């Protein structure tokens, strides 16, 4: 499931958030993010100077954290080559030096399924079994429903709220919103809407609410109508009950 959630998050401009405290621990525990020390790199004998430079960076605390390219020779790649290689997708590995994101992050190499370092760990049988298999992922709306349903059952109303708002944004950008608003209550989108149209989800407050400014008012809905035909109707269908709850609270 964690692979599906990360795949869904990549549809939004959230950056690479695996190393942040919370998601980091969950990704490690779920076997989605893998760590090895620099000295355990499967190509350490082929690129000794490159590995030595990484080791020195960790020992001295030099600013080597970030994306790493494929080792292209016996020397540490130049800054220009590193930037060019870092543009390749997916990146080779991620080197972290006591990252500020989380206290439990160890200095070393991090990788995840599908990355080149992960592929090398599979090829050299450092990873076997389920760890050596690319995780299956769910379609986006199935991810939304699964997360919202779990949060609903746990009465985690803020998570329900956030995912309900994200689902609206996803649908506008990637689905036929004119067709969605005509679907019945037992459809996939209807079940998601049923989970989100809840008084507690609408009225829950947080000191830092990431949904602030993301719920369109009437003026915004009309303004987006040209770019996204059906936007105003879909926004009213999605958030109309929330406005009623807000007025009553």
Protein backbone atom coordinates (compact mmCIF):
# COMPACT_ATOMS: atom_id res chain seq x y z
CA UNK A 1 0.00 0.00 0.00
CA UNK A 2 2.83 2.40 0.78
CA UNK A 3 4.07 2.15 -2.81
CA UNK A 4 0.59 3.09 -4.03
CA UNK A 5 0.47 6.10 -1.69
CA UNK A 6 3.86 7.36 -2.88
CA UNK A 7 2.86 6.86 -6.52
CA UNK A 8 -0.29 8.88 -5.86
CA UNK A 9 1.68 11.64 -4.12
CA UNK A 10 3.91 11.97 -7.18
CA UNK A 11 0.89 13.28 -9.08
CA UNK A 12 1.23 16.41 -6.93
CA UNK A 13 4.08 18.87 -6.50
CA UNK A 14 5.29 17.49 -3.17
CA UNK A 15 8.94 16.72 -3.94
CA UNK A 16 10.72 13.66 -2.60
CA UNK A 17 9.27 13.17 0.89
CA UNK A 18 10.49 9.68 1.80
CA UNK A 19 13.25 10.98 4.09
CA UNK A 20 11.02 13.07 6.30
CA UNK A 21 10.37 11.88 9.83
CA UNK A 22 7.30 9.67 9.89
CA UNK A 23 7.23 8.65 6.22
CA UNK A 24 10.87 7.57 6.54
CA UNK A 25 10.21 5.11 9.35
CA UNK A 26 7.09 3.78 7.62
CA UNK A 27 8.94 3.27 4.33
CA UNK A 28 11.78 1.39 6.05
CA UNK A 29 9.41 -0.78 8.11
CA UNK A 30 7.33 -1.63 5.03
CA UNK A 31 10.39 -2.72 3.05
CA UNK A 32 9.89 0.06 0.52
CA UNK A 33 13.06 1.99 1.33
CA UNK A 34 16.39 0.19 1.78
CA UNK A 35 19.62 1.29 3.44
CA UNK A 36 23.18 0.03 3.03
CA UNK A 37 26.44 1.49 4.19
CA UNK A 38 28.76 2.92 1.55
CA UNK A 39 31.17 0.01 2.16
CA UNK A 40 28.41 -2.46 1.27
CA UNK A 41 27.93 -1.01 -2.21
CA UNK A 42 27.87 -3.96 -4.66
CA UNK A 43 30.24 -2.12 -7.04
CA UNK A 44 32.72 -0.98 -4.42
CA UNK A 45 35.58 -2.98 -5.96
CA UNK A 46 34.87 -1.67 -9.44
CA UNK A 47 34.81 2.00 -8.36
CA UNK A 48 37.10 2.20 -5.29
CA UNK A 49 37.95 5.89 -5.66
CA UNK A 50 34.29 6.84 -5.95
CA UNK A 51 33.39 4.80 -2.86
CA UNK A 52 36.36 6.22 -0.96
CA UNK A 53 35.22 9.76 -1.73
CA UNK A 54 31.74 9.00 -0.40
CA UNK A 55 33.24 7.45 2.72
CA UNK A 56 35.41 10.53 3.30
CA UNK A 57 32.38 12.74 2.88
CA UNK A 58 30.55 10.88 5.62
CA UNK A 59 33.59 10.92 7.92
CA UNK A 60 34.25 14.64 7.45
CA UNK A 61 30.65 15.79 7.17
CA UNK A 62 31.23 17.35 3.75
CA UNK A 63 28.08 18.32 1.88
CA UNK A 64 27.67 15.19 -0.21
CA UNK A 65 24.05 14.50 0.68
CA UNK A 66 21.53 14.17 -2.12
CA UNK A 67 21.06 12.27 -5.36
CA UNK A 68 23.92 10.19 -6.68
CA UNK A 69 24.47 9.28 -10.34
CA UNK A 70 25.79 6.03 -11.68
CA UNK A 71 29.53 5.84 -11.02
CA UNK A 72 30.95 6.79 -14.42
CA UNK A 73 34.61 6.24 -13.71
CA UNK A 74 37.26 5.78 -11.02
CA UNK A 75 36.89 9.34 -9.75
CA UNK A 76 34.01 11.09 -8.02
CA UNK A 77 31.85 12.58 -10.80
CA UNK A 78 32.24 16.32 -11.37
CA UNK A 79 29.50 18.67 -10.28
CA UNK A 80 28.36 19.06 -13.88
CA UNK A 81 28.24 15.33 -14.48
CA UNK A 82 26.44 14.78 -11.20
CA UNK A 83 23.75 17.29 -12.11
CA UNK A 84 23.28 15.75 -15.53
CA UNK A 85 23.14 12.23 -14.14
CA UNK A 86 20.76 13.26 -11.37
CA UNK A 87 18.26 14.23 -14.03
CA UNK A 88 18.01 10.60 -15.08
CA UNK A 89 14.91 8.83 -13.85
CA UNK A 90 14.91 6.97 -11.64
CA UNK A 91 18.01 8.14 -9.77
CA UNK A 92 20.70 5.70 -8.79
CA UNK A 93 20.73 6.18 -5.04
CA UNK A 94 20.30 8.74 -2.31
CA UNK A 95 23.14 9.57 0.06
CA UNK A 96 22.15 11.14 3.36
CA UNK A 97 24.47 12.67 5.96
CA UNK A 98 22.55 12.84 9.24
CA UNK A 99 19.66 14.51 7.45
CA UNK A 100 17.74 17.25 9.18
CA UNK A 101 14.49 15.53 8.16
CA UNK A 102 14.54 12.84 10.82
CA UNK A 103 16.70 11.80 13.80
CA UNK A 104 16.66 8.12 12.82
CA UNK A 105 18.18 8.56 9.37
CA UNK A 106 21.60 6.93 9.17
CA UNK A 107 24.39 8.16 6.97
CA UNK A 108 24.69 5.87 3.99
CA UNK A 109 22.95 4.89 0.76
CA UNK A 110 19.19 4.69 0.42
CA UNK A 111 17.34 3.13 -2.47
CA UNK A 112 13.86 1.92 -3.33
CA UNK A 113 12.33 -0.63 -5.75
CA UNK A 114 13.11 0.11 -9.37
CA UNK A 115 16.16 2.28 -8.75
CA UNK A 116 19.49 1.21 -10.18
CA UNK A 117 21.07 0.47 -6.81
CA UNK A 118 18.04 -1.65 -5.86
CA UNK A 119 18.45 -3.53 -9.15
CA UNK A 120 22.11 -4.19 -8.35
CA UNK A 121 21.20 -5.44 -4.86
CA UNK A 122 18.72 -7.85 -6.47
CA UNK A 123 21.25 -8.96 -9.11
CA UNK A 124 23.84 -9.68 -6.40
CA UNK A 125 21.19 -11.38 -4.23
CA UNK A 126 21.55 -8.93 -1.38
CA UNK A 127 17.79 -8.65 -1.71
CA UNK A 128 15.72 -11.79 -2.22
CA UNK A 129 12.12 -12.95 -2.01
CA UNK A 130 9.50 -10.23 -1.68
CA UNK A 131 12.24 -7.64 -1.23
CA UNK A 132 13.42 -8.40 -4.76
CA UNK A 133 9.97 -7.93 -6.33
CA UNK A 134 8.60 -4.65 -7.58
CA UNK A 135 5.54 -3.78 -5.47
CA UNK A 136 2.16 -3.71 -7.15
CA UNK A 137 0.30 -0.40 -7.04
CA UNK A 138 -3.39 0.46 -7.02
CA UNK A 139 -5.13 2.91 -9.36
CA UNK A 140 -5.28 6.43 -7.87
CA UNK A 141 -8.95 6.49 -6.87
CA UNK A 142 -8.64 3.09 -5.19
CA UNK A 143 -5.75 4.49 -3.15
CA UNK A 144 -7.87 7.48 -2.11
CA UNK A 145 -10.79 5.28 -1.05
CA UNK A 146 -8.57 2.87 0.90
CA UNK A 147 -6.81 5.64 2.84
CA UNK A 148 -10.01 7.58 3.52
CA UNK A 149 -11.87 4.46 4.62
CA UNK A 150 -9.13 3.51 7.09
CA UNK A 151 -9.00 7.09 8.43
CA UNK A 152 -12.81 7.19 8.66
CA UNK A 153 -12.91 3.99 10.70
CA UNK A 154 -10.27 5.40 13.03
CA UNK A 155 -12.16 8.73 13.23
CA UNK A 156 -9.06 10.51 11.97
CA UNK A 157 -11.10 13.37 10.55
CA UNK A 158 -8.19 15.55 9.50
CA UNK A 159 -6.75 12.78 7.31
CA UNK A 160 -10.21 12.28 5.80
CA UNK A 161 -10.36 16.02 5.10
CA UNK A 162 -6.91 16.22 3.50
CA UNK A 163 -7.48 13.23 1.22
CA UNK A 164 -10.95 14.45 0.24
CA UNK A 165 -9.44 17.75 -0.88
CA UNK A 166 -6.57 15.96 -2.67
CA UNK A 167 -9.07 13.70 -4.41
CA UNK A 168 -10.82 16.77 -5.79
CA UNK A 169 -7.54 18.11 -7.17
CA UNK A 170 -6.63 14.76 -8.66
CA UNK A 171 -10.01 14.42 -10.39
CA UNK A 172 -9.82 17.90 -11.88
CA UNK A 173 -6.37 17.26 -13.32
CA UNK A 174 -6.68 13.63 -14.39
CA UNK A 175 -10.32 12.55 -14.71
CA UNK A 176 -13.43 13.52 -16.67
CA UNK A 177 -15.12 15.65 -14.01
CA UNK A 178 -18.24 16.16 -16.09
CA UNK A 179 -18.80 12.41 -16.11
CA UNK A 180 -17.80 11.92 -12.45
CA UNK A 181 -20.43 14.28 -11.08
CA UNK A 182 -23.12 12.23 -12.84
CA UNK A 183 -22.08 8.93 -11.28
CA UNK A 184 -24.21 7.30 -8.63
CA UNK A 185 -23.51 6.96 -4.90
CA UNK A 186 -22.33 3.35 -5.28
CA UNK A 187 -19.66 4.23 -7.86
CA UNK A 188 -16.03 4.54 -6.82
CA UNK A 189 -16.15 8.33 -6.80
CA UNK A 190 -19.52 8.20 -5.03
CA UNK A 191 -18.07 6.11 -2.20
CA UNK A 192 -15.16 8.53 -1.82
CA UNK A 193 -17.56 11.46 -1.68
CA UNK A 194 -19.67 9.65 0.91
CA UNK A 195 -16.60 9.23 3.16
CA UNK A 196 -15.63 12.89 2.79
CA UNK A 197 -19.03 14.53 3.12
CA UNK A 198 -19.01 14.29 6.88
CA UNK A 199 -19.48 17.08 9.40
CA UNK A 200 -16.44 16.18 11.48
CA UNK A 201 -14.17 16.07 8.40
CA UNK A 202 -15.43 19.46 7.25
CA UNK A 203 -15.16 21.25 10.59
CA UNK A 204 -11.98 19.69 12.01
CA UNK A 205 -9.26 22.28 12.59
CA UNK A 206 -5.49 22.00 12.79
CA UNK A 207 -2.94 24.62 13.77
CA UNK A 208 -1.40 24.23 10.32
CA UNK A 209 -4.07 23.13 7.87
CA UNK A 210 -2.61 22.23 4.49
CA UNK A 211 -6.06 22.43 2.91
CA UNK A 212 -6.32 26.19 3.50
CA UNK A 213 -6.95 27.96 0.21
CA UNK A 214 -7.52 24.74 -1.72
CA UNK A 215 -11.31 24.67 -1.53
CA UNK A 216 -12.61 26.84 -4.40
CA UNK A 217 -15.19 29.53 -3.75
CA UNK A 218 -17.83 30.41 -6.35
CA UNK A 219 -15.67 33.06 -8.01
CA UNK A 220 -12.72 30.68 -8.36
CA UNK A 221 -14.95 27.91 -9.65
CA UNK A 222 -16.30 30.13 -12.43
CA UNK A 223 -12.78 31.33 -13.31
CA UNK A 224 -11.58 27.75 -13.83
CA UNK A 225 -14.56 26.80 -15.96
CA UNK A 226 -12.83 27.74 -19.22
CA UNK A 227 -9.76 25.61 -18.53
CA UNK A 228 -11.69 22.76 -16.94
CA UNK A 229 -15.22 22.49 -18.38
CA UNK A 230 -17.62 21.35 -15.68
CA UNK A 231 -15.39 22.65 -12.85
CA UNK A 232 -18.09 24.77 -11.18
CA UNK A 233 -20.65 21.96 -11.17
CA UNK A 234 -18.13 19.42 -9.92
CA UNK A 235 -16.88 21.77 -7.17
CA UNK A 236 -20.44 22.37 -5.99
CA UNK A 237 -21.20 18.64 -6.04
CA UNK A 238 -17.98 17.90 -4.11
CA UNK A 239 -17.85 20.73 -1.59
CA UNK A 240 -21.45 21.98 -1.45
CA UNK A 241 -22.34 19.92 1.64
CA UNK A 242 -19.18 21.19 3.36
CA UNK A 243 -20.34 24.78 2.93
CA UNK A 244 -23.61 23.85 4.59
CA UNK A 245 -21.78 22.24 7.52
CA UNK A 246 -19.56 25.31 7.89
CA UNK A 247 -22.55 27.64 8.05
CA UNK A 248 -24.22 25.47 10.67
CA UNK A 249 -21.15 25.11 12.91
